[in-house]
Amino acid sequence: TLLAGATGIGYAVGSGVAGRLADLGGHRPAFAVTV
């Protein structure tokens, strides 16, 4: 369950950071977070 919780926290971090970058430069900076 700790691993599952870590996945949820990571999702929130990823969507938050990528969202800010997407506001600045579109989809490619967001996908750069994935890579």
All heavy atoms as atom14 arrays in JSON, in Angstrom:
{
  "sequence": "TLLAGATGIGYAVGSGVAGRLADLGGHRPAFAVTV",
  "atom14_mask": [
    [1, 1, 1, 1, 1, 1, 1, 0, 0, 0, 0, 0, 0, 0],
    [1, 1, 1, 1, 1, 1, 1, 1, 0, 0, 0, 0, 0, 0],
    [1, 1, 1, 1, 1, 1, 1, 1, 0, 0, 0, 0, 0, 0],
    [1, 1, 1, 1, 1, 0, 0, 0, 0, 0, 0, 0, 0, 0],
    [1, 1, 1, 1, 0, 0, 0, 0, 0, 0, 0, 0, 0, 0],
    [1, 1, 1, 1, 1, 0, 0, 0, 0, 0, 0, 0, 0, 0],
    [1, 1, 1, 1, 1, 1, 1, 0, 0, 0, 0, 0, 0, 0],
    [1, 1, 1, 1, 0, 0, 0, 0, 0, 0, 0, 0, 0, 0],
    [1, 1, 1, 1, 1, 1, 1, 1, 0, 0, 0, 0, 0, 0],
    [1, 1, 1, 1, 0, 0, 0, 0, 0, 0, 0, 0, 0, 0],
    [1, 1, 1, 1, 1, 1, 1, 1, 1, 1, 1, 1, 0, 0],
    [1, 1, 1, 1, 1, 0, 0, 0, 0, 0, 0, 0, 0, 0],
    [1, 1, 1, 1, 1, 1, 1, 0, 0, 0, 0, 0, 0, 0],
    [1, 1, 1, 1, 0, 0, 0, 0, 0, 0, 0, 0, 0, 0],
    [1, 1, 1, 1, 1, 1, 0, 0, 0, 0, 0, 0, 0, 0],
    [1, 1, 1, 1, 0, 0, 0, 0, 0, 0, 0, 0, 0, 0],
    [1, 1, 1, 1, 1, 1, 1, 0, 0, 0, 0, 0, 0, 0],
    [1, 1, 1, 1, 1, 0, 0, 0, 0, 0, 0, 0, 0, 0],
    [1, 1, 1, 1, 0, 0, 0, 0, 0, 0, 0, 0, 0, 0],
    [1, 1, 1, 1, 1, 1, 1, 1, 1, 1, 1, 0, 0, 0],
    [1, 1, 1, 1, 1, 1, 1, 1, 0, 0, 0, 0, 0, 0],
    [1, 1, 1, 1, 1, 0, 0, 0, 0, 0, 0, 0, 0, 0],
    [1, 1, 1, 1, 1, 1, 1, 1, 0, 0, 0, 0, 0, 0],
    [1, 1, 1, 1, 1, 1, 1, 1, 0, 0, 0, 0, 0, 0],
    [1, 1, 1, 1, 0, 0, 0, 0, 0, 0, 0, 0, 0, 0],
    [1, 1, 1, 1, 0, 0, 0, 0, 0, 0, 0, 0, 0, 0],
    [1, 1, 1, 1, 1, 1, 1, 1, 1, 1, 0, 0, 0, 0],
    [1, 1, 1, 1, 1, 1, 1, 1, 1, 1, 1, 0, 0, 0],
    [1, 1, 1, 1, 1, 1, 1, 0, 0, 0, 0, 0, 0, 0],
    [1, 1, 1, 1, 1, 0, 0, 0, 0, 0, 0, 0, 0, 0],
    [1, 1, 1, 1, 1, 1, 1, 1, 1, 1, 1, 0, 0, 0],
    [1, 1, 1, 1, 1, 0, 0, 0, 0, 0, 0, 0, 0, 0],
    [1, 1, 1, 1, 1, 1, 1, 0, 0, 0, 0, 0, 0, 0],
    [1, 1, 1, 1, 1, 1, 1, 0, 0, 0, 0, 0, 0, 0],
    [1, 1, 1, 1, 1, 1, 1, 0, 0, 0, 0, 0, 0, 0]
  ],
  "atom14_positions": [
    [[0.82, -1.21, 0.0], [0.0, 0.0, 0.0], [0.86, 1.26, 0.0], [0.45, 2.3, -0.54], [-0.95, 0.02, 1.21], [-0.21, -0.27, 2.4], [-2.03, -1.03, 1.05], [0.0, 0.0, 0.0], [0.0, 0.0, 0.0], [0.0, 0.0, 0.0], [0.0, 0.0, 0.0], [0.0, 0.0, 0.0], [0.0, 0.0, 0.0], [0.0, 0.0, 0.0]],
    [[2.06, 1.2, 0.58], [2.96, 2.34, 0.54], [3.42, 2.61, -0.89], [3.51, 3.77, -1.33], [4.17, 2.1, 1.44], [5.09, 3.3, 1.7], [4.31, 4.45, 2.3], [6.23, 2.89, 2.62], [0.0, 0.0, 0.0], [0.0, 0.0, 0.0], [0.0, 0.0, 0.0], [0.0, 0.0, 0.0], [0.0, 0.0, 0.0], [0.0, 0.0, 0.0]],
    [[3.68, 1.55, -1.64], [4.05, 1.71, -3.04], [2.9, 2.32, -3.84], [3.11, 3.18, -4.7], [4.44, 0.36, -3.64], [5.75, -0.27, -3.14], [5.96, -1.62, -3.81], [6.93, 0.64, -3.42], [0.0, 0.0, 0.0], [0.0, 0.0, 0.0], [0.0, 0.0, 0.0], [0.0, 0.0, 0.0], [0.0, 0.0, 0.0], [0.0, 0.0, 0.0]],
    [[1.68, 1.87, -3.55], [0.52, 2.44, -4.23], [0.36, 3.92, -3.89], [0.05, 4.74, -4.76], [-0.75, 1.67, -3.85], [0.0, 0.0, 0.0], [0.0, 0.0, 0.0], [0.0, 0.0, 0.0], [0.0, 0.0, 0.0], [0.0, 0.0, 0.0], [0.0, 0.0, 0.0], [0.0, 0.0, 0.0], [0.0, 0.0, 0.0], [0.0, 0.0, 0.0]],
    [[0.59, 4.26, -2.63], [0.51, 5.66, -2.23], [1.56, 6.51, -2.9], [1.3, 7.65, -3.29], [0.0, 0.0, 0.0], [0.0, 0.0, 0.0], [0.0, 0.0, 0.0], [0.0, 0.0, 0.0], [0.0, 0.0, 0.0], [0.0, 0.0, 0.0], [0.0, 0.0, 0.0], [0.0, 0.0, 0.0], [0.0, 0.0, 0.0], [0.0, 0.0, 0.0]],
    [[2.76, 5.96, -3.04], [3.84, 6.69, -3.72], [3.47, 6.98, -5.17], [3.8, 8.04, -5.71], [5.14, 5.89, -3.65], [0.0, 0.0, 0.0], [0.0, 0.0, 0.0], [0.0, 0.0, 0.0], [0.0, 0.0, 0.0], [0.0, 0.0, 0.0], [0.0, 0.0, 0.0], [0.0, 0.0, 0.0], [0.0, 0.0, 0.0], [0.0, 0.0, 0.0]],
    [[2.76, 6.03, -5.8], [2.32, 6.24, -7.18], [1.36, 7.43, -7.26], [1.46, 8.26, -8.17], [1.63, 4.99, -7.73], [2.44, 3.84, -7.47], [1.4, 5.1, -9.23], [0.0, 0.0, 0.0], [0.0, 0.0, 0.0], [0.0, 0.0, 0.0], [0.0, 0.0, 0.0], [0.0, 0.0, 0.0], [0.0, 0.0, 0.0], [0.0, 0.0, 0.0]],
    [[0.44, 7.51, -6.3], [-0.52, 8.61, -6.28], [0.15, 9.96, -6.07], [-0.19, 10.96, -6.72], [0.0, 0.0, 0.0], [0.0, 0.0, 0.0], [0.0, 0.0, 0.0], [0.0, 0.0, 0.0], [0.0, 0.0, 0.0], [0.0, 0.0, 0.0], [0.0, 0.0, 0.0], [0.0, 0.0, 0.0], [0.0, 0.0, 0.0], [0.0, 0.0, 0.0]],
    [[1.13, 10.0, -5.16], [1.86, 11.25, -4.94], [2.62, 11.65, -6.2], [2.65, 12.82, -6.59], [2.84, 11.1, -3.76], [2.06, 10.85, -2.45], [3.72, 12.34, -3.63], [1.17, 11.98, -2.02], [0.0, 0.0, 0.0], [0.0, 0.0, 0.0], [0.0, 0.0, 0.0], [0.0, 0.0, 0.0], [0.0, 0.0, 0.0], [0.0, 0.0, 0.0]],
    [[3.23, 10.66, -6.85], [3.97, 10.93, -8.08], [3.05, 11.48, -9.17], [3.44, 12.38, -9.93], [0.0, 0.0, 0.0], [0.0, 0.0, 0.0], [0.0, 0.0, 0.0], [0.0, 0.0, 0.0], [0.0, 0.0, 0.0], [0.0, 0.0, 0.0], [0.0, 0.0, 0.0], [0.0, 0.0, 0.0], [0.0, 0.0, 0.0], [0.0, 0.0, 0.0]],
    [[1.84, 10.94, -9.25], [0.88, 11.42, -10.23], [0.57, 12.9, -10.0], [0.54, 13.7, -10.95], [-0.4, 10.6, -10.16], [-1.48, 11.06, -11.12], [-1.56, 10.55, -12.41], [-2.41, 12.03, -10.73], [-2.53, 10.98, -13.29], [-3.38, 12.46, -11.61], [-3.44, 11.93, -12.89], [-4.4, 12.38, -13.75], [0.0, 0.0, 0.0], [0.0, 0.0, 0.0]],
    [[0.37, 13.26, -8.74], [0.07, 14.66, -8.42], [1.26, 15.55, -8.78], [1.08, 16.65, -9.33], [-0.27, 14.79, -6.94], [0.0, 0.0, 0.0], [0.0, 0.0, 0.0], [0.0, 0.0, 0.0], [0.0, 0.0, 0.0], [0.0, 0.0, 0.0], [0.0, 0.0, 0.0], [0.0, 0.0, 0.0], [0.0, 0.0, 0.0], [0.0, 0.0, 0.0]],
    [[2.47, 15.1, -8.48], [3.66, 15.88, -8.8], [3.82, 16.02, -10.32], [4.06, 17.12, -10.84], [4.92, 15.23, -8.2], [6.19, 15.9, -8.71], [4.87, 15.28, -6.67], [0.0, 0.0, 0.0], [0.0, 0.0, 0.0], [0.0, 0.0, 0.0], [0.0, 0.0, 0.0], [0.0, 0.0, 0.0], [0.0, 0.0, 0.0], [0.0, 0.0, 0.0]],
    [[3.67, 14.91, -11.02], [3.85, 14.93, -12.47], [2.85, 15.81, -13.17], [3.21, 16.62, -14.04], [0.0, 0.0, 0.0], [0.0, 0.0, 0.0], [0.0, 0.0, 0.0], [0.0, 0.0, 0.0], [0.0, 0.0, 0.0], [0.0, 0.0, 0.0], [0.0, 0.0, 0.0], [0.0, 0.0, 0.0], [0.0, 0.0, 0.0], [0.0, 0.0, 0.0]],
    [[1.57, 15.7, -12.77], [0.55, 16.51, -13.42], [0.72, 17.99, -13.07], [0.5, 18.87, -13.92], [-0.85, 16.03, -13.03], [-1.02, 16.07, -11.62], [0.0, 0.0, 0.0], [0.0, 0.0, 0.0], [0.0, 0.0, 0.0], [0.0, 0.0, 0.0], [0.0, 0.0, 0.0], [0.0, 0.0, 0.0], [0.0, 0.0, 0.0], [0.0, 0.0, 0.0]],
    [[1.15, 18.28, -11.83], [1.35, 19.67, -11.42], [2.49, 20.33, -12.16], [2.35, 21.43, -12.71], [0.0, 0.0, 0.0], [0.0, 0.0, 0.0], [0.0, 0.0, 0.0], [0.0, 0.0, 0.0], [0.0, 0.0, 0.0], [0.0, 0.0, 0.0], [0.0, 0.0, 0.0], [0.0, 0.0, 0.0], [0.0, 0.0, 0.0], [0.0, 0.0, 0.0]],
    [[3.65, 19.66, -12.19], [4.82, 20.22, -12.88], [4.56, 20.33, -14.37], [4.84, 21.36, -15.0], [6.07, 19.38, -12.59], [7.26, 19.86, -13.43], [6.42, 19.43, -11.1], [0.0, 0.0, 0.0], [0.0, 0.0, 0.0], [0.0, 0.0, 0.0], [0.0, 0.0, 0.0], [0.0, 0.0, 0.0], [0.0, 0.0, 0.0], [0.0, 0.0, 0.0]],
    [[4.03, 19.27, -14.96], [3.77, 19.27, -16.4], [2.72, 20.32, -16.76], [2.79, 20.94, -17.83], [3.32, 17.89, -16.85], [0.0, 0.0, 0.0], [0.0, 0.0, 0.0], [0.0, 0.0, 0.0], [0.0, 0.0, 0.0], [0.0, 0.0, 0.0], [0.0, 0.0, 0.0], [0.0, 0.0, 0.0], [0.0, 0.0, 0.0], [0.0, 0.0, 0.0]],
    [[1.74, 20.53, -15.87], [0.72, 21.53, -16.13], [1.29, 22.93, -16.21], [0.93, 23.72, -17.09], [0.0, 0.0, 0.0], [0.0, 0.0, 0.0], [0.0, 0.0, 0.0], [0.0, 0.0, 0.0], [0.0, 0.0, 0.0], [0.0, 0.0, 0.0], [0.0, 0.0, 0.0], [0.0, 0.0, 0.0], [0.0, 0.0, 0.0], [0.0, 0.0, 0.0]],
    [[2.2, 23.24, -15.3], [2.84, 24.56, -15.33], [3.66, 24.74, -16.61], [3.64, 25.81, -17.24], [3.73, 24.74, -14.1], [2.96, 24.93, -12.8], [3.88, 25.18, -11.63], [3.14, 25.45, -10.42], [2.7, 26.64, -10.04], [2.93, 27.7, -10.83], [2.04, 26.81, -8.91], [0.0, 0.0, 0.0], [0.0, 0.0, 0.0], [0.0, 0.0, 0.0]],
    [[4.38, 23.71, -16.98], [5.2, 23.79, -18.19], [4.33, 23.87, -19.44], [4.67, 24.55, -20.41], [6.15, 22.6, -18.26], [7.24, 22.55, -17.18], [8.07, 21.28, -17.33], [8.13, 23.78, -17.27], [0.0, 0.0, 0.0], [0.0, 0.0, 0.0], [0.0, 0.0, 0.0], [0.0, 0.0, 0.0], [0.0, 0.0, 0.0], [0.0, 0.0, 0.0]],
    [[3.2, 23.16, -19.43], [2.29, 23.2, -20.57], [1.7, 24.6, -20.75], [1.49, 25.06, -21.88], [1.18, 22.18, -20.4], [0.0, 0.0, 0.0], [0.0, 0.0, 0.0], [0.0, 0.0, 0.0], [0.0, 0.0, 0.0], [0.0, 0.0, 0.0], [0.0, 0.0, 0.0], [0.0, 0.0, 0.0], [0.0, 0.0, 0.0], [0.0, 0.0, 0.0]],
    [[1.44, 25.29, -19.64], [0.93, 26.66, -19.72], [1.95, 27.57, -20.4], [1.59, 28.52, -21.1], [0.62, 27.2, -18.33], [-0.65, 26.58, -17.75], [-1.48, 26.09, -18.53], [-0.79, 26.59, -16.51], [0.0, 0.0, 0.0], [0.0, 0.0, 0.0], [0.0, 0.0, 0.0], [0.0, 0.0, 0.0], [0.0, 0.0, 0.0], [0.0, 0.0, 0.0]],
    [[3.23, 27.27, -20.2], [4.28, 28.11, -20.77], [4.63, 27.75, -22.21], [4.91, 28.64, -23.02], [5.55, 28.01, -19.9], [5.42, 28.52, -18.46], [6.7, 28.2, -17.68], [5.14, 30.01, -18.44], [0.0, 0.0, 0.0], [0.0, 0.0, 0.0], [0.0, 0.0, 0.0], [0.0, 0.0, 0.0], [0.0, 0.0, 0.0], [0.0, 0.0, 0.0]],
    [[4.63, 26.46, -22.52], [5.12, 26.07, -23.84], [4.37, 24.97, -24.55], [4.86, 24.43, -25.55], [0.0, 0.0, 0.0], [0.0, 0.0, 0.0], [0.0, 0.0, 0.0], [0.0, 0.0, 0.0], [0.0, 0.0, 0.0], [0.0, 0.0, 0.0], [0.0, 0.0, 0.0], [0.0, 0.0, 0.0], [0.0, 0.0, 0.0], [0.0, 0.0, 0.0]],
    [[3.19, 24.56, -24.05], [2.42, 23.55, -24.76], [2.76, 22.13, -24.34], [3.34, 21.89, -23.28], [0.0, 0.0, 0.0], [0.0, 0.0, 0.0], [0.0, 0.0, 0.0], [0.0, 0.0, 0.0], [0.0, 0.0, 0.0], [0.0, 0.0, 0.0], [0.0, 0.0, 0.0], [0.0, 0.0, 0.0], [0.0, 0.0, 0.0], [0.0, 0.0, 0.0]],
    [[2.43, 21.18, -25.21], [2.53, 19.77, -24.84], [3.95, 19.24, -24.74], [4.23, 18.34, -23.95], [1.73, 18.92, -25.84], [2.29, 18.93, -27.23], [2.06, 19.95, -28.12], [3.09, 18.03, -27.89], [2.67, 19.68, -29.26], [3.29, 18.53, -29.15], [0.0, 0.0, 0.0], [0.0, 0.0, 0.0], [0.0, 0.0, 0.0], [0.0, 0.0, 0.0]],
    [[4.88, 19.76, -25.53], [6.24, 19.2, -25.53], [6.96, 19.37, -24.18], [7.59, 18.41, -23.7], [7.05, 19.77, -26.68], [6.68, 19.17, -28.03], [7.67, 19.51, -29.12], [7.34, 18.8, -30.35], [6.51, 19.25, -31.28], [5.93, 20.44, -31.11], [6.24, 18.54, -32.35], [0.0, 0.0, 0.0], [0.0, 0.0, 0.0], [0.0, 0.0, 0.0]],
    [[6.92, 20.55, -23.55], [7.53, 20.64, -22.21], [6.88, 19.69, -21.2], [7.57, 19.17, -20.32], [7.31, 22.11, -21.84], [7.18, 22.82, -23.13], [6.47, 21.87, -24.04], [0.0, 0.0, 0.0], [0.0, 0.0, 0.0], [0.0, 0.0, 0.0], [0.0, 0.0, 0.0], [0.0, 0.0, 0.0], [0.0, 0.0, 0.0], [0.0, 0.0, 0.0]],
    [[5.57, 19.47, -21.35], [4.9, 18.54, -20.44], [5.42, 17.12, -20.67], [5.71, 16.39, -19.71], [3.39, 18.59, -20.66], [0.0, 0.0, 0.0], [0.0, 0.0, 0.0], [0.0, 0.0, 0.0], [0.0, 0.0, 0.0], [0.0, 0.0, 0.0], [0.0, 0.0, 0.0], [0.0, 0.0, 0.0], [0.0, 0.0, 0.0], [0.0, 0.0, 0.0]],
    [[5.55, 16.72, -21.93], [6.07, 15.4, -22.23], [7.55, 15.27, -21.83], [8.03, 14.17, -21.57], [5.9, 15.08, -23.71], [4.5, 14.74, -24.11], [3.98, 15.16, -25.33], [3.69, 13.99, -23.27], [2.68, 14.84, -25.71], [2.38, 13.66, -23.63], [1.88, 14.09, -24.85], [0.0, 0.0, 0.0], [0.0, 0.0, 0.0], [0.0, 0.0, 0.0]],
    [[8.25, 16.39, -21.79], [9.65, 16.34, -21.34], [9.74, 15.88, -19.88], [10.74, 15.25, -19.48], [10.3, 17.72, -21.49], [0.0, 0.0, 0.0], [0.0, 0.0, 0.0], [0.0, 0.0, 0.0], [0.0, 0.0, 0.0], [0.0, 0.0, 0.0], [0.0, 0.0, 0.0], [0.0, 0.0, 0.0], [0.0, 0.0, 0.0], [0.0, 0.0, 0.0]],
    [[8.7, 16.18, -19.09], [8.66, 15.69, -17.71], [8.57, 14.16, -17.7], [9.22, 13.49, -16.88], [7.46, 16.31, -16.95], [7.38, 15.75, -15.54], [7.59, 17.83, -16.92], [0.0, 0.0, 0.0], [0.0, 0.0, 0.0], [0.0, 0.0, 0.0], [0.0, 0.0, 0.0], [0.0, 0.0, 0.0], [0.0, 0.0, 0.0], [0.0, 0.0, 0.0]],
    [[7.8, 13.59, -18.61], [7.7, 12.13, -18.74], [9.06, 11.52, -19.03], [9.48, 10.56, -18.37], [6.72, 11.76, -19.87], [5.43, 12.28, -19.57], [6.62, 10.25, -20.02], [0.0, 0.0, 0.0], [0.0, 0.0, 0.0], [0.0, 0.0, 0.0], [0.0, 0.0, 0.0], [0.0, 0.0, 0.0], [0.0, 0.0, 0.0], [0.0, 0.0, 0.0]],
    [[9.75, 12.06, -20.01], [11.05, 11.51, -20.42], [12.07, 11.68, -19.3], [12.88, 10.77, -19.02], [11.55, 12.2, -21.71], [12.9, 11.64, -22.12], [10.53, 12.01, -22.83], [0.0, 0.0, 0.0], [0.0, 0.0, 0.0], [0.0, 0.0, 0.0], [0.0, 0.0, 0.0], [0.0, 0.0, 0.0], [0.0, 0.0, 0.0], [0.0, 0.0, 0.0]]
  ]
}
